[in-house]
């Protein structure tokens, strides 16, 4: 995989070079996550759905606009069942 250096546009836009998009399987409209690093850098990754409760990324589904992982769902179900 080749590195790339790009200049940000006046409005903050950044184009990911075609060779990187192809290598990473990024198509137009693909959601990405932007994560700042402690040293002033920026990590760009394909979006991974994140649980709104525990912030985990394993087995996350969207229910009525709310993202929840299996573990949190099972915990909520258990608490609801206690209510009778």
Protein backbone atom coordinates (compact mmCIF):
# COMPACT_ATOMS: atom_id res chain seq x y z
CA UNK A 1 0.00 0.00 0.00
CA UNK A 2 1.39 3.36 -1.02
CA UNK A 3 1.17 6.44 1.19
CA UNK A 4 -0.31 9.66 -0.09
CA UNK A 5 0.06 13.31 0.82
CA UNK A 6 -2.87 15.64 0.06
CA UNK A 7 -3.69 19.30 0.61
CA UNK A 8 -7.01 20.15 2.25
CA UNK A 9 -9.36 22.38 0.27
CA UNK A 10 -10.43 25.85 1.45
CA UNK A 11 -13.69 24.47 2.86
CA UNK A 12 -12.00 21.55 4.63
CA UNK A 13 -12.57 18.97 1.93
CA UNK A 14 -10.10 16.18 1.44
CA UNK A 15 -10.07 13.76 -1.47
CA UNK A 16 -8.78 10.26 -0.77
CA UNK A 17 -6.63 9.23 -3.76
CA UNK A 18 -8.17 6.66 -6.08
CA UNK A 19 -5.47 4.03 -5.49
CA UNK A 20 -6.14 4.14 -1.74
CA UNK A 21 -9.93 4.04 -2.20
CA UNK A 22 -9.57 0.93 -4.37
CA UNK A 23 -7.10 -0.78 -2.01
CA UNK A 24 -9.34 -0.12 1.00
CA UNK A 25 -12.64 -0.87 -0.72
CA UNK A 26 -13.99 2.66 -0.19
CA UNK A 27 -16.71 3.64 -2.64
CA UNK A 28 -18.52 6.96 -3.02
CA UNK A 29 -20.93 7.41 -0.14
CA UNK A 30 -19.01 5.11 2.23
CA UNK A 31 -19.21 6.39 5.82
CA UNK A 32 -15.87 6.95 7.56
CA UNK A 33 -14.81 7.70 11.13
CA UNK A 34 -12.28 10.47 11.80
CA UNK A 35 -10.25 10.05 14.98
CA UNK A 36 -7.68 12.62 16.15
CA UNK A 37 -4.41 11.24 17.51
CA UNK A 38 -2.51 12.66 20.45
CA UNK A 39 0.30 13.92 18.24
CA UNK A 40 -1.84 16.10 15.96
CA UNK A 41 -2.56 13.39 13.39
CA UNK A 42 -5.85 12.08 12.07
CA UNK A 43 -6.91 8.48 11.53
CA UNK A 44 -9.51 7.81 8.82
CA UNK A 45 -11.27 4.41 8.97
CA UNK A 46 -14.35 2.81 7.47
CA UNK A 47 -17.24 3.50 9.81
CA UNK A 48 -17.93 0.78 12.35
CA UNK A 49 -21.32 0.99 14.07
CA UNK A 50 -20.83 1.70 17.79
CA UNK A 51 -23.15 0.82 20.66
CA UNK A 52 -24.75 3.95 22.13
CA UNK A 53 -24.50 2.44 25.62
CA UNK A 54 -21.08 0.78 26.01
CA UNK A 55 -19.38 2.17 22.85
CA UNK A 56 -18.47 -1.38 21.79
CA UNK A 57 -18.30 -2.33 18.12
CA UNK A 58 -19.06 -6.06 18.27
CA UNK A 59 -22.46 -7.31 16.98
CA UNK A 60 -24.06 -3.85 16.79
CA UNK A 61 -27.50 -3.43 15.23
CA UNK A 62 -29.66 -0.36 14.72
CA UNK A 63 -33.10 -0.41 16.34
CA UNK A 64 -35.39 2.59 15.85
CA UNK A 65 -32.39 4.81 15.15
CA UNK A 66 -30.51 3.59 18.24
CA UNK A 67 -27.35 1.50 17.88
CA UNK A 68 -27.04 -1.28 20.45
CA UNK A 69 -24.76 -4.28 20.82
CA UNK A 70 -25.96 -7.78 21.63
CA UNK A 71 -24.48 -7.71 25.15
CA UNK A 72 -26.27 -4.48 26.10
CA UNK A 73 -29.50 -5.72 24.50
CA UNK A 74 -29.38 -8.90 26.58
CA UNK A 75 -28.68 -6.86 29.72
CA UNK A 76 -31.65 -4.59 29.04
CA UNK A 77 -33.89 -7.58 28.30
CA UNK A 78 -32.89 -9.16 31.61
CA UNK A 79 -33.72 -5.96 33.51
CA UNK A 80 -37.08 -5.63 31.73
CA UNK A 81 -37.95 -9.25 32.57
CA UNK A 82 -37.30 -8.48 36.25
CA UNK A 83 -40.07 -5.88 36.06
CA UNK A 84 -42.54 -8.67 35.42
